[in-house]
Amino acid sequence: MALRSLDNALPIAAERPKKQVKIAISDQKGKQQPDHGVNDENKVPVPVPLSTDVSIDYVSSDNLKPFEDPNSTIQGLVGGLESKDWLRVCESLNDVRRFALYHSALLQPILEKVVLVMVKAIKNPRSALCKTSIMAASDIFNAFGETLLESASDAFSQLLLQLLLKASQDKKFVCEEADKALLAMAKSMAPLPLLHKLSSYVGHMNLRVRAKAAVSISNCISNMDLKSMEEFGLAALIEVASKLLNDKLPEAREAARGIVVSLYGAMTEGEEEKQEFWQSFCQSNLPAIHAQAMIKLVSS
């Protein structure tokens, strides 16, 4: 049996609001009277406070200084990061940067917790807090590098995702900072384990995220020797490059070209017949039309 419509189940409810509407309108008029007098236009408007984001100073890493007493300061770092006052969180994130640059041994025991706080701050809609956290990520990468990859938690994976998302958004100053952080990541971490993390984003549904991941993959592979490439899988790498070469976004396609150049250079080093060797490799691992595109790419 079909269920009865809720509209039909309450036939009386449609008439009752008539009386309530009159009361509501009356109350509303009564409340509006003191707020909207005839001389309202002559009242001095209450100033609307400007966003305090403009008061945040984005300090470059070169201008950050070490602490005079880092052992005492580290005690209150987590409390500052977990504060409900976003300005204090920004200050604490800059303290994180100073610890990463000058007192990394003190930061190491709480690094995982710090990274998770950074992830939360990057998600925050307040741009100043988001950018400060991304700047902290760059300094964390430079200080700890592959240490983040050795952790059993998914803190780094969450951070990577947020950086890719922020690098893909429209706010230019946040996007540019995220690009810098991703570049610092590629330069400071061991390329092989990082490549394993990044490769899962090749098929990401967000075109921009996929393109940013492609750039990081290209930067990562450019730091790999042939042995590391073989350990990941040469066939897998050429398939990644082929997929990205047919991507909709130019940034992803350009990154794919960078991957191909790195692969070609590493694989054909010492080979007398470079073109023939590359052609044979591509034809053995890709469909004919995709193999032809790879061959043409290095011959142009």
Protein backbone atom coordinates (compact mmCIF):
# COMPACT_ATOMS: atom_id res chain seq x y z
CA MET A 1 0.00 0.00 0.00
CA ALA A 2 1.35 3.45 -0.94
CA LEU A 3 2.09 5.81 1.93
CA ARG A 4 -0.25 8.74 2.40
CA SER A 5 1.14 12.17 1.66
CA LEU A 6 2.05 14.13 4.76
CA ASP A 7 0.16 17.10 3.32
CA ASN A 8 -2.98 15.05 3.28
CA ALA A 9 -2.36 13.65 6.75
CA LEU A 10 -2.62 17.08 8.42
CA PRO A 11 -5.59 18.87 6.85
CA ILE A 12 -6.20 21.20 9.81
CA ALA A 13 -2.62 22.49 10.06
CA ALA A 14 -3.02 24.59 6.93
CA GLU A 15 -5.70 26.84 8.54
CA ARG A 16 -4.24 27.35 12.02
CA PRO A 17 -1.24 29.52 11.03
CA LYS A 18 -3.65 32.31 10.00
CA LYS A 19 -4.05 33.42 13.60
CA GLN A 20 -0.38 32.93 14.37
CA VAL A 21 0.68 34.98 11.35
CA LYS A 22 -1.31 37.96 12.63
CA ILE A 23 0.38 37.75 16.01
CA ALA A 24 3.81 37.37 14.44
CA ILE A 25 3.28 40.39 12.22
CA SER A 26 2.05 42.40 15.16
CA ASP A 27 5.06 41.44 17.24
CA GLN A 28 7.35 42.18 14.37
CA LYS A 29 5.89 45.66 13.90
CA GLY A 30 6.21 46.29 17.60
CA LYS A 31 9.84 45.35 17.54
CA GLN A 32 10.60 47.39 14.44
CA GLN A 33 9.19 50.64 15.80
CA PRO A 34 12.05 51.52 18.16
CA ASP A 35 14.65 50.38 15.63
CA HIS A 36 13.43 52.39 12.64
CA GLY A 37 12.38 55.88 13.66
CA VAL A 38 11.88 58.76 11.27
CA ASN A 39 15.30 60.17 12.06
CA ASP A 40 17.22 56.93 11.45
CA GLU A 41 19.00 58.45 8.46
CA ASN A 42 20.53 61.06 10.76
CA LYS A 43 22.02 58.52 13.13
CA VAL A 44 25.77 57.92 13.01
CA PRO A 45 26.26 54.42 11.64
CA VAL A 46 28.09 51.94 13.82
CA PRO A 47 31.46 51.31 12.20
CA VAL A 48 31.94 47.79 10.89
CA PRO A 49 35.30 46.42 12.03
CA LEU A 50 37.63 45.58 9.21
CA SER A 51 39.01 42.09 8.91
CA THR A 52 41.97 41.64 11.19
CA ASP A 53 43.66 39.41 8.61
CA VAL A 54 45.42 42.50 7.26
CA SER A 55 47.27 42.90 10.56
CA ILE A 56 49.00 39.52 10.26
CA ASP A 57 52.67 39.70 9.37
CA TYR A 58 53.84 36.87 7.13
CA VAL A 59 57.43 36.44 8.25
CA SER A 60 59.83 34.75 5.85
CA SER A 61 61.93 31.89 7.18
CA ASP A 62 65.10 33.98 6.85
CA ASN A 63 63.72 36.55 9.30
CA LEU A 64 62.69 34.10 12.01
CA LYS A 65 64.95 34.02 15.06
CA PRO A 66 65.78 31.26 17.57
CA PHE A 67 64.30 31.28 21.06
CA GLU A 68 66.33 32.48 24.01
CA ASP A 69 64.82 29.77 26.21
CA PRO A 70 63.38 27.09 23.89
CA ASN A 71 62.96 24.51 26.67
CA SER A 72 60.48 26.74 28.49
CA THR A 73 58.69 27.89 25.33
CA ILE A 74 58.05 24.37 24.08
CA GLN A 75 55.95 23.66 27.19
CA GLY A 76 53.19 26.02 26.07
CA LEU A 77 53.37 25.36 22.34
CA VAL A 78 50.60 22.76 22.09
CA GLY A 79 48.30 24.88 24.27
CA GLY A 80 48.81 27.83 21.95
CA LEU A 81 48.13 25.71 18.87
CA GLU A 82 44.88 24.41 20.36
CA SER A 83 43.69 27.87 21.43
CA LYS A 84 40.28 29.13 20.29
CA ASP A 85 41.88 32.52 19.61
CA TRP A 86 43.00 32.33 15.98
CA LEU A 87 45.56 35.11 16.46
CA ARG A 88 47.24 33.08 19.18
CA VAL A 89 47.19 30.04 16.90
CA CYS A 90 48.97 32.10 14.23
CA GLU A 91 51.61 33.14 16.75
CA SER A 92 52.06 29.53 17.82
CA LEU A 93 52.41 28.40 14.20
CA ASN A 94 55.21 30.90 13.77
CA ASP A 95 56.75 29.46 16.94
CA VAL A 96 56.51 26.03 15.30
CA ARG A 97 58.51 27.41 12.39
CA ARG A 98 61.18 28.75 14.73
CA PHE A 99 61.42 25.39 16.49
CA ALA A 100 61.67 23.61 13.14
CA LEU A 101 64.47 25.89 12.00
CA TYR A 102 66.53 26.18 15.17
CA HIS A 103 65.36 23.67 17.80
CA SER A 104 64.03 20.72 15.78
CA ALA A 105 65.01 18.14 18.42
CA LEU A 106 62.53 19.70 20.85
CA LEU A 107 59.76 19.65 18.27
CA GLN A 108 60.32 16.04 17.22
CA PRO A 109 58.37 14.36 20.09
CA ILE A 110 55.20 16.35 19.36
CA LEU A 111 55.63 16.55 15.58
CA GLU A 112 52.62 14.36 14.76
CA LYS A 113 50.32 16.43 16.96
CA VAL A 114 51.69 19.63 15.45
CA VAL A 115 51.06 18.39 11.90
CA LEU A 116 47.45 17.53 12.73
CA VAL A 117 46.93 21.04 14.13
CA MET A 118 48.44 22.44 10.92
CA VAL A 119 45.97 20.40 8.87
CA LYS A 120 43.09 21.85 10.88
CA ALA A 121 44.44 25.38 10.42
CA ILE A 122 44.82 24.92 6.66
CA LYS A 123 41.15 23.91 6.49
CA ASN A 124 40.16 27.08 8.36
CA PRO A 125 38.29 29.59 6.12
CA ARG A 126 40.34 32.44 7.59
CA SER A 127 43.00 33.05 4.94
CA ALA A 128 45.61 34.45 7.34
CA LEU A 129 45.50 31.34 9.50
CA CYS A 130 45.53 29.08 6.46
CA LYS A 131 48.54 30.77 4.88
CA THR A 132 50.53 30.85 8.13
CA SER A 133 49.98 27.11 8.54
CA ILE A 134 51.11 26.45 4.97
CA MET A 135 54.27 28.48 5.61
CA ALA A 136 54.84 26.31 8.69
CA ALA A 137 54.48 23.22 6.49
CA SER A 138 57.37 24.40 4.28
CA ASP A 139 59.65 24.80 7.29
CA ILE A 140 58.54 21.44 8.69
CA PHE A 141 59.42 19.75 5.38
CA ASN A 142 62.83 21.39 5.26
CA ALA A 143 63.59 20.44 8.85
CA PHE A 144 62.22 16.90 9.05
CA GLY A 145 61.97 15.70 5.46
CA GLU A 146 61.36 12.00 5.21
CA THR A 147 60.84 11.68 8.97
CA LEU A 148 57.20 12.51 8.27
CA LEU A 149 56.95 9.57 5.89
CA GLU A 150 58.26 7.16 8.50
CA SER A 151 55.35 7.83 10.86
CA ALA A 152 52.71 5.13 11.17
CA SER A 153 49.93 7.72 11.40
CA ASP A 154 48.19 9.36 8.47
CA ALA A 155 49.12 12.89 9.58
CA PHE A 156 51.35 13.47 6.55
CA SER A 157 48.75 12.06 4.16
CA GLN A 158 46.19 14.53 5.52
CA LEU A 159 48.67 17.39 5.18
CA LEU A 160 49.51 16.41 1.60
CA LEU A 161 45.84 16.35 0.62
CA GLN A 162 45.20 19.80 2.11
CA LEU A 163 48.22 21.29 0.37
CA LEU A 164 47.07 19.90 -2.97
CA LEU A 165 43.58 21.28 -2.37
CA LYS A 166 44.86 24.74 -1.39
CA ALA A 167 47.26 24.82 -4.33
CA SER A 168 44.22 24.20 -6.53
CA GLN A 169 42.01 27.01 -5.24
CA ASP A 170 41.44 30.52 -6.58
CA LYS A 171 42.96 32.60 -3.76
CA LYS A 172 46.26 33.46 -5.40
CA PHE A 173 48.32 34.23 -2.30
CA VAL A 174 47.23 30.98 -0.64
CA CYS A 175 47.70 29.00 -3.85
CA GLU A 176 51.23 30.33 -4.36
CA GLU A 177 52.19 29.50 -0.78
CA ALA A 178 50.87 25.95 -1.17
CA ASP A 179 52.91 25.57 -4.37
CA LYS A 180 56.03 26.59 -2.43
CA ALA A 181 55.26 24.05 0.29
CA LEU A 182 54.77 21.26 -2.26
CA LEU A 183 58.08 22.16 -3.89
CA ALA A 184 59.83 22.12 -0.51
CA MET A 185 58.27 18.71 0.11
CA ALA A 186 59.59 17.30 -3.18
CA LYS A 187 63.08 18.64 -2.52
CA SER A 188 63.39 17.51 1.09
CA MET A 189 61.84 14.04 1.10
CA ALA A 190 63.13 10.74 -0.24
CA PRO A 191 61.63 10.57 -3.74
CA LEU A 192 60.62 6.90 -3.82
CA PRO A 193 58.32 6.77 -0.74
CA LEU A 194 56.96 10.21 -1.64
CA LEU A 195 56.16 9.02 -5.14
CA HIS A 196 54.13 6.17 -3.69
CA LYS A 197 52.07 8.74 -1.79
CA LEU A 198 51.60 11.02 -4.78
CA SER A 199 50.78 8.38 -7.39
CA SER A 200 47.34 7.78 -5.89
CA TYR A 201 46.34 11.31 -6.95
CA VAL A 202 46.89 10.67 -10.68
CA GLY A 203 43.26 9.58 -10.96
CA HIS A 204 41.81 12.19 -8.59
CA MET A 205 38.37 13.43 -9.62
CA ASN A 206 39.36 17.09 -9.12
CA LEU A 207 41.21 18.26 -12.25
CA ARG A 208 43.22 20.89 -10.42
CA VAL A 209 44.28 18.56 -7.63
CA ARG A 210 45.36 16.05 -10.26
CA ALA A 211 47.41 18.72 -12.04
CA LYS A 212 49.12 19.86 -8.83
CA ALA A 213 49.89 16.26 -7.95
CA ALA A 214 51.34 15.79 -11.44
CA VAL A 215 53.72 18.70 -10.89
CA SER A 216 54.87 17.20 -7.59
CA ILE A 217 55.30 13.80 -9.24
CA SER A 218 57.43 15.37 -11.97
CA ASN A 219 59.57 17.17 -9.38
CA CYS A 220 59.88 13.94 -7.43
CA ILE A 221 60.97 11.84 -10.43
CA SER A 222 63.51 14.46 -11.47
CA ASN A 223 65.31 13.69 -8.17
CA MET A 224 65.35 9.92 -8.76
CA ASP A 225 68.13 7.81 -10.22
CA LEU A 226 67.50 4.85 -12.48
CA LYS A 227 67.67 2.37 -9.61
CA SER A 228 64.88 4.17 -7.72
CA MET A 229 62.80 4.37 -10.90
CA GLU A 230 63.22 0.65 -11.44
CA GLU A 231 62.23 -0.02 -7.85
CA PHE A 232 58.98 1.88 -8.35
CA GLY A 233 58.50 0.32 -11.78
CA LEU A 234 59.50 1.79 -15.14
CA ALA A 235 56.34 0.48 -16.78
CA ALA A 236 54.23 2.07 -14.03
CA LEU A 237 56.00 5.41 -14.49
CA ILE A 238 55.49 5.50 -18.26
CA GLU A 239 51.81 4.66 -17.73
CA VAL A 240 51.48 7.57 -15.28
CA ALA A 241 53.14 9.89 -17.80
CA SER A 242 50.89 8.66 -20.60
CA LYS A 243 47.75 9.20 -18.56
CA LEU A 244 48.77 12.72 -17.56
CA LEU A 245 49.83 13.60 -21.11
CA ASN A 246 46.17 13.25 -22.11
CA ASP A 247 44.86 15.28 -19.17
CA LYS A 248 42.50 18.21 -19.73
CA LEU A 249 44.67 20.76 -17.91
CA PRO A 250 47.87 22.15 -19.50
CA GLU A 251 49.67 22.07 -16.14
CA ALA A 252 49.22 18.31 -15.91
CA ARG A 253 50.31 17.79 -19.51
CA GLU A 254 53.43 19.89 -18.97
CA ALA A 255 54.24 17.88 -15.86
CA ALA A 256 53.86 14.69 -17.90
CA ARG A 257 56.45 15.98 -20.36
CA GLY A 258 58.81 16.56 -17.45
CA ILE A 259 58.28 12.98 -16.29
CA VAL A 260 59.03 11.65 -19.78
CA VAL A 261 62.21 13.73 -20.07
CA SER A 262 63.45 12.41 -16.70
CA LEU A 263 62.61 8.84 -17.63
CA TYR A 264 64.22 9.09 -21.05
CA GLY A 265 67.38 10.64 -19.67
CA ALA A 266 67.82 8.02 -16.94
CA MET A 267 66.93 5.01 -19.10
CA THR A 268 68.95 5.86 -22.20
CA GLU A 269 72.11 6.98 -20.41
CA GLY A 270 74.94 4.89 -21.83
CA GLU A 271 72.78 3.57 -24.68
CA GLU A 272 74.19 4.10 -28.18
CA GLU A 273 70.84 3.85 -29.95
CA LYS A 274 68.77 5.98 -27.61
CA GLN A 275 65.75 6.50 -29.88
CA GLU A 276 65.48 2.83 -30.78
CA PHE A 277 65.79 1.78 -27.14
CA TRP A 278 63.10 4.26 -26.07
CA GLN A 279 60.80 3.28 -28.92
CA SER A 280 61.05 -0.39 -28.01
CA PHE A 281 60.33 0.36 -24.35
CA CYS A 282 57.26 2.50 -25.09
CA GLN A 283 55.80 0.06 -27.59
CA SER A 284 56.23 -2.79 -25.11
CA ASN A 285 54.35 -1.03 -22.32
CA LEU A 286 51.76 1.23 -23.95
CA PRO A 287 49.02 1.02 -26.57
CA ALA A 288 50.32 1.99 -30.01
CA ILE A 289 48.75 5.47 -30.10
CA HIS A 290 50.10 6.38 -26.65
CA ALA A 291 53.52 4.89 -27.41
CA GLN A 292 53.74 7.04 -30.53
CA ALA A 293 53.05 10.16 -28.49
CA MET A 294 55.90 9.26 -26.11
CA ILE A 295 58.31 8.62 -28.95
CA LYS A 296 57.39 11.87 -30.65
CA LEU A 297 57.80 13.79 -27.39
CA VAL A 298 61.50 13.01 -26.97
CA SER A 299 62.33 13.32 -30.66
CA SER A 300 60.90 16.84 -31.00
